[in-house]
PDB file of N, CA and C in Angstrom:
ATOM      1  N   MET A   1      85.410 100.815 114.347  1.00  0.00           N
ATOM      2  CA  MET A   1      86.686 100.420 113.817  1.00  0.00           C
ATOM      3  C   MET A   1      87.336  99.447 114.795  1.00  0.00           C
ATOM      4  N   GLY A   2      88.062  98.458 114.284  1.00  0.00           N
ATOM      5  CA  GLY A   2      88.683  97.451 115.120  1.00  0.00           C
ATOM      6  C   GLY A   2      89.910  97.985 115.826  1.00  0.00           C
ATOM      7  N   ARG A   3      90.469  97.108 116.665  1.00  0.00           N
ATOM      8  CA  ARG A   3      91.659  97.526 117.395  1.00  0.00           C
ATOM      9  C   ARG A   3      92.825  97.687 116.433  1.00  0.00           C
ATOM     10  N   ARG A   4      93.790  98.438 116.862  1.00  0.00           N
ATOM     11  CA  ARG A   4      94.897  98.735 115.970  1.00  0.00           C
ATOM     12  C   ARG A   4      96.137  97.973 116.415  1.00  0.00           C
ATOM     13  N   GLY A   5      96.522  96.986 115.648  1.00  0.00           N
ATOM     14  CA  GLY A   5      97.752  96.271 115.893  1.00  0.00           C
ATOM     15  C   GLY A   5      97.693  95.264 117.032  1.00  0.00           C
ATOM     16  N   TYR A   6      98.840  94.700 117.305  1.00  0.00           N
ATOM     17  CA  TYR A   6      98.999  93.719 118.365  1.00  0.00           C
ATOM     18  C   TYR A   6      99.921  94.306 119.425  1.00  0.00           C
ATOM     19  N   PRO A   7      99.800  93.849 120.662  1.00  0.00           N
ATOM     20  CA  PRO A   7     100.680  94.372 121.716  1.00  0.00           C
ATOM     21  C   PRO A   7     102.139  94.019 121.441  1.00  0.00           C
ATOM     22  N   PRO A   8     103.058  94.886 121.847  1.00  0.00           N
ATOM     23  CA  PRO A   8     104.496  94.620 121.611  1.00  0.00           C
ATOM     24  C   PRO A   8     104.963  93.300 122.221  1.00  0.00           C
ATOM     25  N   GLU A   9     104.373  92.893 123.350  1.00  0.00           N
ATOM     26  CA  GLU A   9     104.788  91.633 123.989  1.00  0.00           C
ATOM     27  C   GLU A   9     104.491  90.438 123.083  1.00  0.00           C
ATOM     28  N   LEU A  10     103.336  90.477 122.424  1.00  0.00           N
ATOM     29  CA  LEU A  10     102.968  89.389 121.514  1.00  0.00           C
ATOM     30  C   LEU A  10     103.914  89.375 120.318  1.00  0.00           C
ATOM     31  N   ARG A  11     104.193  90.556 119.782  1.00  0.00           N
ATOM     32  CA  ARG A  11     105.123  90.628 118.646  1.00  0.00           C
ATOM     33  C   ARG A  11     106.472  90.027 119.013  1.00  0.00           C
ATOM     34  N   ARG A  12     106.984  90.400 120.207  1.00  0.00           N
ATOM     35  CA  ARG A  12     108.283  89.891 120.646  1.00  0.00           C
ATOM     36  C   ARG A  12     108.240  88.376 120.792  1.00  0.00           C
ATOM     37  N   ARG A  13     107.156  87.860 121.365  1.00  0.00           N
ATOM     38  CA  ARG A  13     107.012  86.414 121.561  1.00  0.00           C
ATOM     39  C   ARG A  13     106.992  85.686 120.211  1.00  0.00           C
ATOM     40  N   VAL A  14     106.249  86.254 119.261  1.00  0.00           N
ATOM     41  CA  VAL A  14     106.168  85.653 117.928  1.00  0.00           C
ATOM     42  C   VAL A  14     107.548  85.646 117.267  1.00  0.00           C
ATOM     43  N   LEU A  15     108.264  86.772 117.357  1.00  0.00           N
ATOM     44  CA  LEU A  15     109.596  86.846 116.744  1.00  0.00           C
ATOM     45  C   LEU A  15     110.562  85.863 117.415  1.00  0.00           C
ATOM     46  N   ASP A  16     110.423  85.685 118.724  1.00  0.00           N
ATOM     47  CA  ASP A  16     111.268  84.712 119.428  1.00  0.00           C
ATOM     48  C   ASP A  16     110.967  83.289 118.961  1.00  0.00           C
ATOM     49  N   LEU A  17     109.684  82.982 118.739  1.00  0.00           N
ATOM     50  CA  LEU A  17     109.313  81.657 118.246  1.00  0.00           C
ATOM     51  C   LEU A  17     109.906  81.400 116.865  1.00  0.00           C
ATOM     52  N   VAL A  18     109.838  82.399 115.998  1.00  0.00           N
ATOM     53  CA  VAL A  18     110.386  82.252 114.644  1.00  0.00           C
ATOM     54  C   VAL A  18     111.906  82.125 114.716  1.00  0.00           C
ATOM     55  N   ALA A  19     112.538  82.913 115.595  1.00  0.00           N
ATOM     56  CA  ALA A  19     113.997  82.856 115.733  1.00  0.00           C
ATOM     57  C   ALA A  19     114.454  81.512 116.296  1.00  0.00           C
ATOM     58  N   SER A  20     113.588  80.850 117.070  1.00  0.00           N
ATOM     59  CA  SER A  20     113.965  79.556 117.655  1.00  0.00           C
ATOM     60  C   SER A  20     113.884  78.420 116.635  1.00  0.00           C
ATOM     61  N   GLY A  21     113.411  78.700 115.441  1.00  0.00           N
ATOM     62  CA  GLY A  21     113.410  77.674 114.405  1.00  0.00           C
ATOM     63  C   GLY A  21     112.043  77.297 113.878  1.00  0.00           C
ATOM     64  N   ARG A  22     110.984  77.758 114.509  1.00  0.00           N
ATOM     65  CA  ARG A  22     109.645  77.431 114.002  1.00  0.00           C
ATOM     66  C   ARG A  22     109.386  78.224 112.730  1.00  0.00           C
ATOM     67  N   SER A  23     108.644  77.638 111.823  1.00  0.00           N
ATOM     68  CA  SER A  23     108.369  78.334 110.561  1.00  0.00           C
ATOM     69  C   SER A  23     107.326  79.419 110.780  1.00  0.00           C
ATOM     70  N   VAL A  24     107.392  80.437 109.941  1.00  0.00           N
ATOM     71  CA  VAL A  24     106.447  81.545 110.016  1.00  0.00           C
ATOM     72  C   VAL A  24     105.029  81.021 109.814  1.00  0.00           C
ATOM     73  N   ALA A  25     104.854  80.093 108.881  1.00  0.00           N
ATOM     74  CA  ALA A  25     103.525  79.548 108.592  1.00  0.00           C
ATOM     75  C   ALA A  25     102.946  78.838 109.818  1.00  0.00           C
ATOM     76  N   ASP A  26     103.767  78.058 110.526  1.00  0.00           N
ATOM     77  CA  ASP A  26     103.288  77.345 111.721  1.00  0.00           C
ATOM     78  C   ASP A  26     102.877  78.308 112.828  1.00  0.00           C
ATOM     79  N   VAL A  27     103.725  79.301 113.084  1.00  0.00           N
ATOM     80  CA  VAL A  27     103.434  80.269 114.138  1.00  0.00           C
ATOM     81  C   VAL A  27     102.170  81.051 113.785  1.00  0.00           C
ATOM     82  N   ALA A  28     102.057  81.449 112.532  1.00  0.00           N
ATOM     83  CA  ALA A  28     100.888  82.217 112.093  1.00  0.00           C
ATOM     84  C   ALA A  28      99.611  81.403 112.267  1.00  0.00           C
ATOM     85  N   ARG A  29      99.651  80.161 111.862  1.00  0.00           N
ATOM     86  CA  ARG A  29      98.479  79.302 111.978  1.00  0.00           C
ATOM     87  C   ARG A  29      98.116  79.058 113.444  1.00  0.00           C
ATOM     88  N   ASP A  30      99.107  78.769 114.271  1.00  0.00           N
ATOM     89  CA  ASP A  30      98.861  78.467 115.690  1.00  0.00           C
ATOM     90  C   ASP A  30      98.294  79.667 116.448  1.00  0.00           C
ATOM     91  N   LEU A  31      98.735  80.877 116.118  1.00  0.00           N
ATOM     92  CA  LEU A  31      98.317  82.068 116.862  1.00  0.00           C
ATOM     93  C   LEU A  31      97.229  82.872 116.157  1.00  0.00           C
ATOM     94  N   GLY A  32      96.869  82.466 114.945  1.00  0.00           N
ATOM     95  CA  GLY A  32      95.818  83.193 114.223  1.00  0.00           C
ATOM     96  C   GLY A  32      96.252  84.563 113.746  1.00  0.00           C
ATOM     97  N   ILE A  33      97.508  84.675 113.356  1.00  0.00           N
ATOM     98  CA  ILE A  33      98.066  85.937 112.852  1.00  0.00           C
ATOM     99  C   ILE A  33      98.463  85.703 111.405  1.00  0.00           C
ATOM    100  N   SER A  34      98.320  86.727 110.583  1.00  0.00           N
ATOM    101  CA  SER A  34      98.695  86.547 109.185  1.00  0.00           C
ATOM    102  C   SER A  34     100.216  86.427 109.046  1.00  0.00           C
ATOM    103  N   GLU A  35     100.621  85.635 108.081  1.00  0.00           N
ATOM    104  CA  GLU A  35     102.059  85.468 107.819  1.00  0.00           C
ATOM    105  C   GLU A  35     102.690  86.797 107.452  1.00  0.00           C
ATOM    106  N   GLU A  36     101.965  87.604 106.684  1.00  0.00           N
ATOM    107  CA  GLU A  36     102.498  88.902 106.253  1.00  0.00           C
ATOM    108  C   GLU A  36     102.807  89.792 107.450  1.00  0.00           C
ATOM    109  N   SER A  37     101.954  89.735 108.480  1.00  0.00           N
ATOM    110  CA  SER A  37     102.213  90.518 109.696  1.00  0.00           C
ATOM    111  C   SER A  37     103.527  90.093 110.331  1.00  0.00           C
ATOM    112  N   ILE A  38     103.738  88.790 110.412  1.00  0.00           N
ATOM    113  CA  ILE A  38     104.968  88.285 111.032  1.00  0.00           C
ATOM    114  C   ILE A  38     106.187  88.694 110.210  1.00  0.00           C
ATOM    115  N   TYR A  39     106.091  88.595 108.898  1.00  0.00           N
ATOM    116  CA  TYR A  39     107.213  89.011 108.051  1.00  0.00           C
ATOM    117  C   TYR A  39     107.494  90.506 108.221  1.00  0.00           C
ATOM    118  N   THR A  40     106.447  91.297 108.342  1.00  0.00           N
ATOM    119  CA  THR A  40     106.613  92.743 108.535  1.00  0.00           C
ATOM    120  C   THR A  40     107.290  93.022 109.868  1.00  0.00           C
ATOM    121  N   TRP A  41     106.845  92.323 110.928  1.00  0.00           N
ATOM    122  CA  TRP A  41     107.459  92.511 112.247  1.00  0.00           C
ATOM    123  C   TRP A  41     108.927  92.105 112.216  1.00  0.00           C
ATOM    124  N   ARG A  42     109.229  91.004 111.538  1.00  0.00           N
ATOM    125  CA  ARG A  42     110.611  90.531 111.457  1.00  0.00           C
ATOM    126  C   ARG A  42     111.482  91.527 110.697  1.00  0.00           C
ATOM    127  N   ARG A  43     110.944  92.079 109.597  1.00  0.00           N
ATOM    128  CA  ARG A  43     111.679  93.077 108.816  1.00  0.00           C
ATOM    129  C   ARG A  43     111.970  94.315 109.678  1.00  0.00           C
ATOM    130  N   GLN A  44     110.945  94.781 110.424  1.00  0.00           N
ATOM    131  CA  GLN A  44     111.134  95.960 111.263  1.00  0.00           C
ATOM    132  C   GLN A  44     112.110  95.674 112.405  1.00  0.00           C
ATOM    133  N   ASP A  45     112.081  94.471 112.948  1.00  0.00           N
ATOM    134  CA  ASP A  45     113.014  94.096 114.008  1.00  0.00           C
ATOM    135  C   ASP A  45     114.450  94.138 113.494  1.00  0.00           C
ATOM    136  N   ARG A  46     114.650  93.695 112.262  1.00  0.00           N
ATOM    137  CA  ARG A  46     115.992  93.743 111.665  1.00  0.00           C
ATOM    138  C   ARG A  46     116.443  95.182 111.452  1.00  0.00           C
ATOM    139  N   VAL A  47     115.528  96.055 111.055  1.00  0.00           N
ATOM    140  CA  VAL A  47     115.867  97.475 110.881  1.00  0.00           C
ATOM    141  C   VAL A  47     116.229  98.086 112.237  1.00  0.00           C
ATOM    142  N   ASP A  48     115.426  97.794 113.260  1.00  0.00           N
ATOM    143  CA  ASP A  48     115.682  98.331 114.595  1.00  0.00           C
ATOM    144  C   ASP A  48     117.024  97.858 115.154  1.00  0.00           C
ATOM    145  N   ALA A  49     117.420  96.651 114.787  1.00  0.00           N
ATOM    146  CA  ALA A  49     118.690  96.095 115.255  1.00  0.00           C
ATOM    147  C   ALA A  49     119.870  96.587 114.420  1.00  0.00           C
ATOM    148  N   GLY A  50     119.597  97.329 113.350  1.00  0.00           N
ATOM    149  CA  GLY A  50     120.663  97.847 112.501  1.00  0.00           C
ATOM    150  C   GLY A  50     121.167  96.848 111.483  1.00  0.00           C
ATOM    151  N   LEU A  51     120.430  95.776 111.274  1.00  0.00           N
ATOM    152  CA  LEU A  51     120.856  94.742 110.328  1.00  0.00           C
ATOM    153  C   LEU A  51     120.324  94.983 108.919  1.00  0.00           C
ATOM    154  N   ALA A  52     119.360  95.876 108.784  1.00  0.00           N
ATOM    155  CA  ALA A  52     118.771  96.177 107.478  1.00  0.00           C
ATOM    156  C   ALA A  52     118.545  97.692 107.391  1.00  0.00           C
ATOM    157  N   PRO A  53     118.594  98.228 106.176  1.00  0.00           N
ATOM    158  CA  PRO A  53     118.373  99.666 106.024  1.00  0.00           C
ATOM    159  C   PRO A  53     116.898 100.022 106.189  1.00  0.00           C
ATOM    160  N   GLY A  54     116.654 101.230 106.639  1.00  0.00           N
ATOM    161  CA  GLY A  54     115.284 101.704 106.778  1.00  0.00           C
ATOM    162  C   GLY A  54     115.119 102.537 108.029  1.00  0.00           C
ATOM    163  N   LEU A  55     113.906 103.036 108.238  1.00  0.00           N
ATOM    164  CA  LEU A  55     113.599 103.842 109.412  1.00  0.00           C
ATOM    165  C   LEU A  55     113.328 102.943 110.612  1.00  0.00           C
ATOM    166  N   THR A  56     113.939 103.268 111.748  1.00  0.00           N
ATOM    167  CA  THR A  56     113.685 102.497 112.959  1.00  0.00           C
ATOM    168  C   THR A  56     112.293 102.834 113.479  1.00  0.00           C
ATOM    169  N   SER A  57     111.829 102.052 114.431  1.00  0.00           N
ATOM    170  CA  SER A  57     110.510 102.288 115.013  1.00  0.00           C
ATOM    171  C   SER A  57     110.436 103.668 115.659  1.00  0.00           C
ATOM    172  N   ALA A  58     111.507 104.083 116.327  1.00  0.00           N
ATOM    173  CA  ALA A  58     111.538 105.401 116.971  1.00  0.00           C
ATOM    174  C   ALA A  58     111.467 106.512 115.917  1.00  0.00           C
ATOM    175  N   GLU A  59     112.195 106.338 114.827  1.00  0.00           N
ATOM    176  CA  GLU A  59     112.167 107.337 113.755  1.00  0.00           C
ATOM    177  C   GLU A  59     110.786 107.413 113.104  1.00  0.00           C
ATOM    178  N   LYS A  60     110.157 106.250 112.928  1.00  0.00           N
ATOM    179  CA  LYS A  60     108.808 106.233 112.348  1.00  0.00           C
ATOM    180  C   LYS A  60     107.815 106.946 113.264  1.00  0.00           C
ATOM    181  N   ALA A  61     107.931 106.714 114.576  1.00  0.00           N
ATOM    182  CA  ALA A  61     107.036 107.370 115.528  1.00  0.00           C
ATOM    183  C   ALA A  61     107.242 108.881 115.507  1.00  0.00           C
ATOM    184  N   GLU A  62     108.501 109.310 115.438  1.00  0.00           N
ATOM    185  CA  GLU A  62     108.817 110.740 115.387  1.00  0.00           C
ATOM    186  C   GLU A  62     108.269 111.366 114.109  1.00  0.00           C
ATOM    187  N   LEU A  63     108.421 110.674 112.997  1.00  0.00           N
ATOM    188  CA  LEU A  63     107.918 111.176 111.721  1.00  0.00           C
ATOM    189  C   LEU A  63     106.397 111.272 111.731  1.00  0.00           C
ATOM    190  N   THR A  64     105.735 110.278 112.295  1.00  0.00           N
ATOM    191  CA  THR A  64     104.271 110.299 112.391  1.00  0.00           C
ATOM    192  C   THR A  64     103.799 111.472 113.245  1.00  0.00           C
ATOM    193  N   ALA A  65     104.475 111.702 114.377  1.00  0.00           N
ATOM    194  CA  ALA A  65     104.111 112.812 115.252  1.00  0.00           C
ATOM    195  C   ALA A  65     104.328 114.147 114.548  1.00  0.00           C
ATOM    196  N   ALA A  66     105.417 114.257 113.800  1.00  0.00           N
ATOM    197  CA  ALA A  66     105.699 115.497 113.074  1.00  0.00           C
ATOM    198  C   ALA A  66     104.645 115.748 111.993  1.00  0.00           C
ATOM    199  N   LYS A  67     104.257 114.708 111.271  1.00  0.00           N
ATOM    200  CA  LYS A  67     103.229 114.865 110.238  1.00  0.00           C
ATOM    201  C   LYS A  67     101.895 115.269 110.851  1.00  0.00           C
ATOM    202  N   ARG A  68     101.570 114.687 111.999  1.00  0.00           N
ATOM    203  CA  ARG A  68     100.322 115.039 112.689  1.00  0.00           C
ATOM    204  C   ARG A  68     100.350 116.510 113.112  1.00  0.00           C
ATOM    205  N   ARG A  69     101.492 116.965 113.648  1.00  0.00           N
ATOM    206  CA  ARG A  69     101.630 118.360 114.095  1.00  0.00           C
ATOM    207  C   ARG A  69     101.547 119.310 112.906  1.00  0.00           C
ATOM    208  N   ILE A  70     102.152 118.957 111.797  1.00  0.00           N
ATOM    209  CA  ILE A  70     102.084 119.787 110.588  1.00  0.00           C
ATOM    210  C   ILE A  70     100.639 119.916 110.132  1.00  0.00           C
ATOM    211  N   ALA A  71      99.900 118.814 110.141  1.00  0.00           N
ATOM    212  CA  ALA A  71      98.491 118.859 109.730  1.00  0.00           C
ATOM    213  C   ALA A  71      97.690 119.775 110.653  1.00  0.00           C
ATOM    214  N   GLU A  72      97.957 119.701 111.968  1.00  0.00           N
ATOM    215  CA  GLU A  72      97.268 120.585 112.924  1.00  0.00           C
ATOM    216  C   GLU A  72      97.581 122.049 112.636  1.00  0.00           C
ATOM    217  N   LEU A  73      98.847 122.346 112.391  1.00  0.00           N
ATOM    218  CA  LEU A  73      99.250 123.727 112.121  1.00  0.00           C
ATOM    219  C   LEU A  73      98.666 124.236 110.813  1.00  0.00           C
ATOM    220  N   GLU A  74      98.612 123.377 109.798  1.00  0.00           N
ATOM    221  CA  GLU A  74      98.009 123.782 108.526  1.00  0.00           C
ATOM    222  C   GLU A  74      96.522 124.070 108.686  1.00  0.00           C
ATOM    223  N   ALA A  75      95.830 123.269 109.491  1.00  0.00           N
ATOM    224  CA  ALA A  75      94.408 123.510 109.743  1.00  0.00           C
ATOM    225  C   ALA A  75      94.219 124.824 110.496  1.00  0.00           C
ATOM    226  N   GLU A  76      95.070 125.078 111.473  1.00  0.00           N
ATOM    227  CA  GLU A  76      95.001 126.325 112.231  1.00  0.00           C
ATOM    228  C   GLU A  76      95.265 127.528 111.324  1.00  0.00           C
ATOM    229  N   LEU A  77      96.241 127.396 110.442  1.00  0.00           N
ATOM    230  CA  LEU A  77      96.559 128.473 109.500  1.00  0.00           C
ATOM    231  C   LEU A  77      95.377 128.736 108.566  1.00  0.00           C
ATOM    232  N   ALA A  78      94.706 127.684 108.125  1.00  0.00           N
ATOM    233  CA  ALA A  78      93.541 127.840 107.251  1.00  0.00           C
ATOM    234  C   ALA A  78      92.437 128.620 107.965  1.00  0.00           C
ATOM    235  N   VAL A  79      92.246 128.345 109.259  1.00  0.00           N
ATOM    236  CA  VAL A  79      91.236 129.067 110.038  1.00  0.00           C
ATOM    237  C   VAL A  79      91.608 130.543 110.111  1.00  0.00           C
ATOM    238  N   HIS A  80      92.872 130.828 110.372  1.00  0.00           N
ATOM    239  CA  HIS A  80      93.315 132.219 110.468  1.00  0.00           C
ATOM    240  C   HIS A  80      93.177 132.948 109.129  1.00  0.00           C
ATOM    241  N   ARG A  81      93.506 132.260 108.064  1.00  0.00           N
ATOM    242  CA  ARG A  81      93.366 132.881 106.735  1.00  0.00           C
ATOM    243  C   ARG A  81      91.908 133.194 106.437  1.00  0.00           C
ATOM    244  N   ARG A  82      91.027 132.271 106.765  1.00  0.00           N
ATOM    245  CA  ARG A  82      89.597 132.487 106.522  1.00  0.00           C
ATOM    246  C   ARG A  82      89.076 133.644 107.374  1.00  0.00           C
ATOM    247  N   ALA A  83      89.523 133.718 108.616  1.00  0.00           N
ATOM    248  CA  ALA A  83      89.114 134.822 109.487  1.00  0.00           C
ATOM    249  C   ALA A  83      89.603 136.151 108.931  1.00  0.00           C
ATOM    250  N   SER A  84      90.819 136.175 108.410  1.00  0.00           N
ATOM    251  CA  SER A  84      91.351 137.406 107.807  1.00  0.00           C
ATOM    252  C   SER A  84      90.526 137.820 106.603  1.00  0.00           C
ATOM    253  N   GLU A  85      90.126 136.842 105.793  1.00  0.00           N
ATOM    254  CA  GLU A  85      89.287 137.152 104.628  1.00  0.00           C
ATOM    255  C   GLU A  85      87.966 137.776 105.073  1.00  0.00           C
ATOM    256  N   LEU A  86      87.349 137.176 106.064  1.00  0.00           N
ATOM    257  CA  LEU A  86      86.055 137.674 106.530  1.00  0.00           C
ATOM    258  C   LEU A  86      86.187 139.052 107.172  1.00  0.00           C
ATOM    259  N   LEU A  87      87.229 139.264 107.950  1.00  0.00           N
ATOM    260  CA  LEU A  87      87.416 140.565 108.587  1.00  0.00           C
ATOM    261  C   LEU A  87      87.817 141.634 107.578  1.00  0.00           C
ATOM    262  N   GLY A  88      88.470 141.233 106.530  1.00  0.00           N
ATOM    263  CA  GLY A  88      88.870 142.188 105.491  1.00  0.00           C
ATOM    264  C   GLY A  88      87.681 142.717 104.712  1.00  0.00           C
ATOM    265  N   LYS A  89      86.566 141.993 104.719  1.00  0.00           N
ATOM    266  CA  LYS A  89      85.379 142.405 103.981  1.00  0.00           C
ATOM    267  C   LYS A  89      84.471 143.320 104.798  1.00  0.00           C
ATOM    268  N   VAL A  90      84.806 143.560 106.048  1.00  0.00           N
ATOM    269  CA  VAL A  90      83.988 144.434 106.889  1.00  0.00           C
ATOM    270  C   VAL A  90      84.116 145.858 106.367  1.00  0.00           C
ATOM    271  N   VAL A  91      82.963 146.479 106.121  1.00  0.00           N
ATOM    272  CA  VAL A  91      82.956 147.847 105.598  1.00  0.00           C
ATOM    273  C   VAL A  91      82.864 148.801 106.780  1.00  0.00           C
ATOM    274  N   PRO A  92      83.786 149.780 106.852  1.00  0.00           N
ATOM    275  CA  PRO A  92      83.696 150.743 107.956  1.00  0.00           C
ATOM    276  C   PRO A  92      82.440 151.604 107.814  1.00  0.00           C
ATOM    277  N   PRO A  93      81.921 152.122 108.909  1.00  0.00           N
ATOM    278  CA  PRO A  93      80.695 152.930 108.818  1.00  0.00           C
ATOM    279  C   PRO A  93      80.943 154.196 107.985  1.00  0.00           C
ATOM    280  N   LYS A  94      79.879 154.634 107.278  1.00  0.00           N
ATOM    281  CA  LYS A  94      80.014 155.822 106.444  1.00  0.00           C
ATOM    282  C   LYS A  94      80.200 157.061 107.301  1.00  0.00           C
ATOM    283  N   GLY A  95      80.966 157.963 106.808  1.00  0.00           N
ATOM    284  CA  GLY A  95      81.167 159.213 107.516  1.00  0.00           C
ATOM    285  C   GLY A  95      82.299 159.161 108.497  1.00  0.00           C
ATOM    286  N   GLY A  96      82.550 158.009 109.052  1.00  0.00           N
ATOM    287  CA  GLY A  96      83.642 157.872 110.012  1.00  0.00           C
ATOM    288  C   GLY A  96      83.626 158.950 111.070  1.00  0.00           C
ATOM    289  N   SER A  97      84.588 159.800 111.061  1.00  0.00           N
ATOM    290  CA  SER A  97      84.620 160.907 112.029  1.00  0.00           C
ATOM    291  C   SER A  97      84.097 162.162 111.334  1.00  0.00           C
ATOM    292  N   ARG A  98      83.600 163.109 112.121  1.00  0.00           N
ATOM    293  CA  ARG A  98      83.079 164.342 111.531  1.00  0.00           C
ATOM    294  C   ARG A  98      84.237 165.220 111.068  1.00  0.00           C
ATOM    295  N   PRO A  99      84.036 165.812 109.928  1.00  0.00           N
ATOM    296  CA  PRO A  99      85.094 166.729 109.468  1.00  0.00           C
ATOM    297  C   PRO A  99      85.156 167.963 110.353  1.00  0.00           C
ATOM    298  N   SER A 100      86.339 168.471 110.518  1.00  0.00           N
ATOM    299  CA  SER A 100      86.476 169.677 111.347  1.00  0.00           C
ATOM    300  C   SER A 100      85.988 170.905 110.600  1.00  0.00           C
ATOM    301  N   ARG A 101      85.478 171.920 111.313  1.00  0.00           N
ATOM    302  CA  ARG A 101      84.941 173.116 110.664  1.00  0.00           C
ATOM    303  C   ARG A 101      85.907 174.209 110.610  1.00  0.00           C
TER     304      ARG A 101
END
């Protein structure tokens, strides 16, 4: 699998270039980045600055971490449930304790 995303420094540099007046198409072509990526970064930058509605980068990271933790806990719960099922099927030995006389 390829690398995931671009470094934050590059994103900031690209957004600064666009903010200075260069067109998104020019910056994308010069740096070999898709225009859609730049538009997405610009949209997220506006959300982070409070200029547009949506989840900030910090909120998105927190939500991702919470979803990952929930998935881990659900997997752990599934293991425990399966273990309970298997242990519940154990048959005790016949006779158990001797009856008193």
